[in-house]
Amino acid sequence: MLARLVIIAWLGSIGCATKYAYTFQLASPGARVAQRPGDYDVLEDGDLKAGIAIDTTADALLLDLTNKTDQVIQVDWAKIAITRPSGGVTLLRPDVDLGWLAPGAHVAARLFPVALPRSGSAAATDQGRQFQIDVPVIVRREPKQYHFALVAHVREL
């Protein structure tokens, strides 16, 4: 009887793993961090302005791009990737076909999947660790790779 109670208690504890929630902050040099929840962190150079946020409820990367040049920018949407602290890489896909970015144009993209562990030690160990978003583009007929470093803030629910 005692053995049965121990097994029941152990099985019950398995389903009670600690749950975690994530927030992210852009940590790339020169980044402007969002001042209000729901706003984008922003990083820009002479060619491109990028607003970045992670929607943890939809497991999506929100990427808001503005072409600051006088020529089209080709974003290689099929090669945008997220690299996790463990080194694992996931290619992200936009929910719609977005094409090229005309001079002065702006596009908002939702890219999937940004799958994050929600419980247990896998989530807890992400606290303070860096994720990297890589966005390959062609600007003025030259390939260019944008790297956005995001630091995870993980809290217990």
C-alpha atoms as a PDB file:
ATOM      1  CA  MET A   1       0.000   0.000   0.000  1.00  0.00           C
ATOM      2  CA  LEU A   2       2.782   2.434   0.908  1.00  0.00           C
ATOM      3  CA  ALA A   3       4.572   1.650  -2.350  1.00  0.00           C
ATOM      4  CA  ARG A   4       1.393   2.454  -4.277  1.00  0.00           C
ATOM      5  CA  LEU A   5       1.089   5.876  -2.534  1.00  0.00           C
ATOM      6  CA  VAL A   6       4.731   6.678  -3.316  1.00  0.00           C
ATOM      7  CA  ILE A   7       4.186   5.838  -6.995  1.00  0.00           C
ATOM      8  CA  ILE A   8       0.996   7.932  -7.149  1.00  0.00           C
ATOM      9  CA  ALA A   9       2.768  10.885  -5.513  1.00  0.00           C
ATOM     10  CA  TRP A  10       5.691  10.549  -7.944  1.00  0.00           C
ATOM     11  CA  LEU A  11       3.390  10.383 -10.974  1.00  0.00           C
ATOM     12  CA  GLY A  12       1.508  13.443  -9.722  1.00  0.00           C
ATOM     13  CA  SER A  13       4.726  15.427  -9.383  1.00  0.00           C
ATOM     14  CA  ILE A  14       5.692  14.733 -12.997  1.00  0.00           C
ATOM     15  CA  GLY A  15       2.678  16.705 -14.284  1.00  0.00           C
ATOM     16  CA  CYS A  16       3.450  19.647 -11.981  1.00  0.00           C
ATOM     17  CA  ALA A  17       6.628  20.933 -13.641  1.00  0.00           C
ATOM     18  CA  THR A  18       7.221  24.621 -13.046  1.00  0.00           C
ATOM     19  CA  LYS A  19       5.844  26.806 -15.858  1.00  0.00           C
ATOM     20  CA  TYR A  20       7.801  29.764 -17.240  1.00  0.00           C
ATOM     21  CA  ALA A  21       7.097  32.879 -19.324  1.00  0.00           C
ATOM     22  CA  TYR A  22       9.601  34.645 -21.582  1.00  0.00           C
ATOM     23  CA  THR A  23      10.303  38.232 -22.553  1.00  0.00           C
ATOM     24  CA  PHE A  24      13.145  39.294 -24.841  1.00  0.00           C
ATOM     25  CA  GLN A  25      15.273  42.411 -25.138  1.00  0.00           C
ATOM     26  CA  LEU A  26      17.408  43.399 -28.118  1.00  0.00           C
ATOM     27  CA  ALA A  27      21.034  43.486 -26.946  1.00  0.00           C
ATOM     28  CA  SER A  28      22.784  44.380 -30.205  1.00  0.00           C
ATOM     29  CA  PRO A  29      25.067  47.434 -30.025  1.00  0.00           C
ATOM     30  CA  GLY A  30      23.133  50.621 -30.860  1.00  0.00           C
ATOM     31  CA  ALA A  31      19.713  49.068 -30.196  1.00  0.00           C
ATOM     32  CA  ARG A  32      16.804  51.132 -28.887  1.00  0.00           C
ATOM     33  CA  VAL A  33      14.864  49.046 -26.403  1.00  0.00           C
ATOM     34  CA  ALA A  34      11.057  49.299 -26.349  1.00  0.00           C
ATOM     35  CA  GLN A  35       9.735  51.588 -23.629  1.00  0.00           C
ATOM     36  CA  ARG A  36       6.270  50.009 -23.403  1.00  0.00           C
ATOM     37  CA  PRO A  37       5.038  46.422 -23.550  1.00  0.00           C
ATOM     38  CA  GLY A  38       3.998  45.510 -27.078  1.00  0.00           C
ATOM     39  CA  ASP A  39       6.417  47.965 -28.729  1.00  0.00           C
ATOM     40  CA  TYR A  40       9.312  46.794 -30.874  1.00  0.00           C
ATOM     41  CA  ASP A  41      13.005  47.040 -30.039  1.00  0.00           C
ATOM     42  CA  VAL A  42      14.691  48.908 -32.914  1.00  0.00           C
ATOM     43  CA  LEU A  43      18.067  48.701 -34.624  1.00  0.00           C
ATOM     44  CA  GLU A  44      18.997  50.595 -37.757  1.00  0.00           C
ATOM     45  CA  ASP A  45      21.854  51.515 -40.017  1.00  0.00           C
ATOM     46  CA  GLY A  46      22.066  53.585 -43.205  1.00  0.00           C
ATOM     47  CA  ASP A  47      20.236  50.929 -45.244  1.00  0.00           C
ATOM     48  CA  LEU A  48      17.618  49.289 -43.059  1.00  0.00           C
ATOM     49  CA  LYS A  49      15.527  50.007 -39.977  1.00  0.00           C
ATOM     50  CA  ALA A  50      14.442  46.852 -38.140  1.00  0.00           C
ATOM     51  CA  GLY A  51      11.859  46.581 -35.396  1.00  0.00           C
ATOM     52  CA  ILE A  52      12.007  43.261 -33.555  1.00  0.00           C
ATOM     53  CA  ALA A  53       9.816  41.530 -30.993  1.00  0.00           C
ATOM     54  CA  ILE A  54       9.030  37.958 -29.997  1.00  0.00           C
ATOM     55  CA  ASP A  55       5.354  37.124 -29.569  1.00  0.00           C
ATOM     56  CA  THR A  56       5.632  34.290 -27.058  1.00  0.00           C
ATOM     57  CA  THR A  57       1.890  33.582 -27.107  1.00  0.00           C
ATOM     58  CA  ALA A  58       2.007  32.802 -30.849  1.00  0.00           C
ATOM     59  CA  ASP A  59       5.623  31.516 -30.948  1.00  0.00           C
ATOM     60  CA  ALA A  60       6.400  34.095 -33.640  1.00  0.00           C
ATOM     61  CA  LEU A  61       9.142  36.567 -34.467  1.00  0.00           C
ATOM     62  CA  LEU A  62       7.674  39.952 -35.339  1.00  0.00           C
ATOM     63  CA  LEU A  63       9.960  41.714 -37.789  1.00  0.00           C
ATOM     64  CA  ASP A  64       9.185  45.218 -38.990  1.00  0.00           C
ATOM     65  CA  LEU A  65      11.541  46.354 -41.797  1.00  0.00           C
ATOM     66  CA  THR A  66      11.924  49.744 -43.481  1.00  0.00           C
ATOM     67  CA  ASN A  67      14.114  50.239 -46.563  1.00  0.00           C
ATOM     68  CA  LYS A  68      16.109  53.447 -46.071  1.00  0.00           C
ATOM     69  CA  THR A  69      17.839  53.263 -49.466  1.00  0.00           C
ATOM     70  CA  ASP A  70      16.936  54.471 -52.947  1.00  0.00           C
ATOM     71  CA  GLN A  71      17.080  50.899 -54.318  1.00  0.00           C
ATOM     72  CA  VAL A  72      15.134  47.688 -53.705  1.00  0.00           C
ATOM     73  CA  ILE A  73      16.261  45.424 -50.879  1.00  0.00           C
ATOM     74  CA  GLN A  74      15.844  41.703 -51.334  1.00  0.00           C
ATOM     75  CA  VAL A  75      15.170  39.932 -48.049  1.00  0.00           C
ATOM     76  CA  ASP A  76      15.891  36.205 -48.215  1.00  0.00           C
ATOM     77  CA  TRP A  77      12.773  35.287 -46.234  1.00  0.00           C
ATOM     78  CA  ALA A  78      13.451  31.534 -46.557  1.00  0.00           C
ATOM     79  CA  LYS A  79      16.814  31.834 -44.759  1.00  0.00           C
ATOM     80  CA  ILE A  80      15.872  33.931 -41.717  1.00  0.00           C
ATOM     81  CA  ALA A  81      16.936  31.862 -38.709  1.00  0.00           C
ATOM     82  CA  ILE A  82      16.978  31.853 -34.932  1.00  0.00           C
ATOM     83  CA  THR A  83      19.972  30.368 -33.113  1.00  0.00           C
ATOM     84  CA  ARG A  84      19.315  29.222 -29.569  1.00  0.00           C
ATOM     85  CA  PRO A  85      21.855  29.388 -26.730  1.00  0.00           C
ATOM     86  CA  SER A  86      22.338  25.616 -27.117  1.00  0.00           C
ATOM     87  CA  GLY A  87      23.475  26.176 -30.713  1.00  0.00           C
ATOM     88  CA  GLY A  88      20.316  24.769 -32.289  1.00  0.00           C
ATOM     89  CA  VAL A  89      19.190  26.650 -35.396  1.00  0.00           C
ATOM     90  CA  THR A  90      15.616  26.927 -36.689  1.00  0.00           C
ATOM     91  CA  LEU A  91      14.667  28.449 -40.030  1.00  0.00           C
ATOM     92  CA  LEU A  92      11.677  30.754 -39.636  1.00  0.00           C
ATOM     93  CA  ARG A  93       8.970  31.180 -42.248  1.00  0.00           C
ATOM     94  CA  PRO A  94       6.733  34.205 -42.817  1.00  0.00           C
ATOM     95  CA  ASP A  95       2.994  33.618 -42.692  1.00  0.00           C
ATOM     96  CA  VAL A  96       2.588  35.335 -46.107  1.00  0.00           C
ATOM     97  CA  ASP A  97       4.767  35.850 -49.200  1.00  0.00           C
ATOM     98  CA  LEU A  98       6.440  39.216 -48.717  1.00  0.00           C
ATOM     99  CA  GLY A  99       8.680  39.695 -51.768  1.00  0.00           C
ATOM    100  CA  TRP A 100      11.175  42.525 -52.142  1.00  0.00           C
ATOM    101  CA  LEU A 101      11.266  45.786 -50.211  1.00  0.00           C
ATOM    102  CA  ALA A 102      10.948  48.844 -52.479  1.00  0.00           C
ATOM    103  CA  PRO A 103      12.863  52.084 -51.741  1.00  0.00           C
ATOM    104  CA  GLY A 104      11.338  53.788 -48.706  1.00  0.00           C
ATOM    105  CA  ALA A 105       8.893  50.902 -48.212  1.00  0.00           C
ATOM    106  CA  HIS A 106       7.941  49.221 -44.955  1.00  0.00           C
ATOM    107  CA  VAL A 107       6.852  45.631 -44.303  1.00  0.00           C
ATOM    108  CA  ALA A 108       5.688  43.873 -41.150  1.00  0.00           C
ATOM    109  CA  ALA A 109       6.320  40.125 -41.013  1.00  0.00           C
ATOM    110  CA  ARG A 110       5.323  37.339 -38.631  1.00  0.00           C
ATOM    111  CA  LEU A 111       7.768  34.452 -38.821  1.00  0.00           C
ATOM    112  CA  PHE A 112       7.224  30.973 -37.365  1.00  0.00           C
ATOM    113  CA  PRO A 113       8.056  28.864 -35.348  1.00  0.00           C
ATOM    114  CA  VAL A 114       9.914  30.319 -32.393  1.00  0.00           C
ATOM    115  CA  ALA A 115       9.300  27.260 -30.219  1.00  0.00           C
ATOM    116  CA  LEU A 116      10.387  27.843 -26.626  1.00  0.00           C
ATOM    117  CA  PRO A 117      10.345  25.384 -23.737  1.00  0.00           C
ATOM    118  CA  ARG A 118       7.597  26.436 -21.308  1.00  0.00           C
ATOM    119  CA  SER A 119       8.477  24.311 -18.293  1.00  0.00           C
ATOM    120  CA  GLY A 120      11.273  22.556 -16.470  1.00  0.00           C
ATOM    121  CA  SER A 121      14.999  23.118 -16.513  1.00  0.00           C
ATOM    122  CA  ALA A 122      15.118  23.710 -20.289  1.00  0.00           C
ATOM    123  CA  ALA A 123      13.146  26.927 -19.789  1.00  0.00           C
ATOM    124  CA  ALA A 124      14.868  27.978 -16.566  1.00  0.00           C
ATOM    125  CA  THR A 125      18.344  27.696 -18.104  1.00  0.00           C
ATOM    126  CA  ASP A 126      17.397  30.189 -20.859  1.00  0.00           C
ATOM    127  CA  GLN A 127      17.334  33.029 -18.280  1.00  0.00           C
ATOM    128  CA  GLY A 128      19.817  35.710 -19.343  1.00  0.00           C
ATOM    129  CA  ARG A 129      21.029  33.716 -22.325  1.00  0.00           C
ATOM    130  CA  GLN A 130      21.346  35.097 -25.840  1.00  0.00           C
ATOM    131  CA  PHE A 131      19.332  34.076 -28.881  1.00  0.00           C
ATOM    132  CA  GLN A 132      20.411  35.341 -32.301  1.00  0.00           C
ATOM    133  CA  ILE A 133      18.234  36.267 -35.270  1.00  0.00           C
ATOM    134  CA  ASP A 134      19.973  36.229 -38.667  1.00  0.00           C
ATOM    135  CA  VAL A 135      18.382  38.105 -41.556  1.00  0.00           C
ATOM    136  CA  PRO A 136      20.134  37.772 -44.937  1.00  0.00           C
ATOM    137  CA  VAL A 137      19.483  40.549 -47.456  1.00  0.00           C
ATOM    138  CA  ILE A 138      20.843  41.955 -50.694  1.00  0.00           C
ATOM    139  CA  VAL A 139      21.428  45.704 -50.541  1.00  0.00           C
ATOM    140  CA  ARG A 140      22.794  47.585 -53.556  1.00  0.00           C
ATOM    141  CA  ARG A 141      23.440  44.213 -55.241  1.00  0.00           C
ATOM    142  CA  GLU A 142      25.675  43.099 -52.349  1.00  0.00           C
ATOM    143  CA  PRO A 143      24.818  40.323 -49.877  1.00  0.00           C
ATOM    144  CA  LYS A 144      24.592  41.472 -46.274  1.00  0.00           C
ATOM    145  CA  GLN A 145      23.751  39.571 -43.102  1.00  0.00           C
ATOM    146  CA  TYR A 146      21.993  41.305 -40.218  1.00  0.00           C
ATOM    147  CA  HIS A 147      22.522  39.736 -36.784  1.00  0.00           C
ATOM    148  CA  PHE A 148      20.182  40.674 -33.957  1.00  0.00           C
ATOM    149  CA  ALA A 149      21.083  39.492 -30.452  1.00  0.00           C
ATOM    150  CA  LEU A 150      18.117  38.979 -28.111  1.00  0.00           C
ATOM    151  CA  VAL A 151      18.536  38.276 -24.392  1.00  0.00           C
ATOM    152  CA  ALA A 152      15.876  36.073 -22.792  1.00  0.00           C
ATOM    153  CA  HIS A 153      14.279  37.017 -19.502  1.00  0.00           C
ATOM    154  CA  VAL A 154      12.522  33.994 -18.043  1.00  0.00           C
ATOM    155  CA  ARG A 155      10.221  34.172 -15.049  1.00  0.00           C
ATOM    156  CA  GLU A 156       8.379  31.534 -13.132  1.00  0.00           C
ATOM    157  CA  LEU A 157       4.595  31.659 -13.382  1.00  0.00           C
END
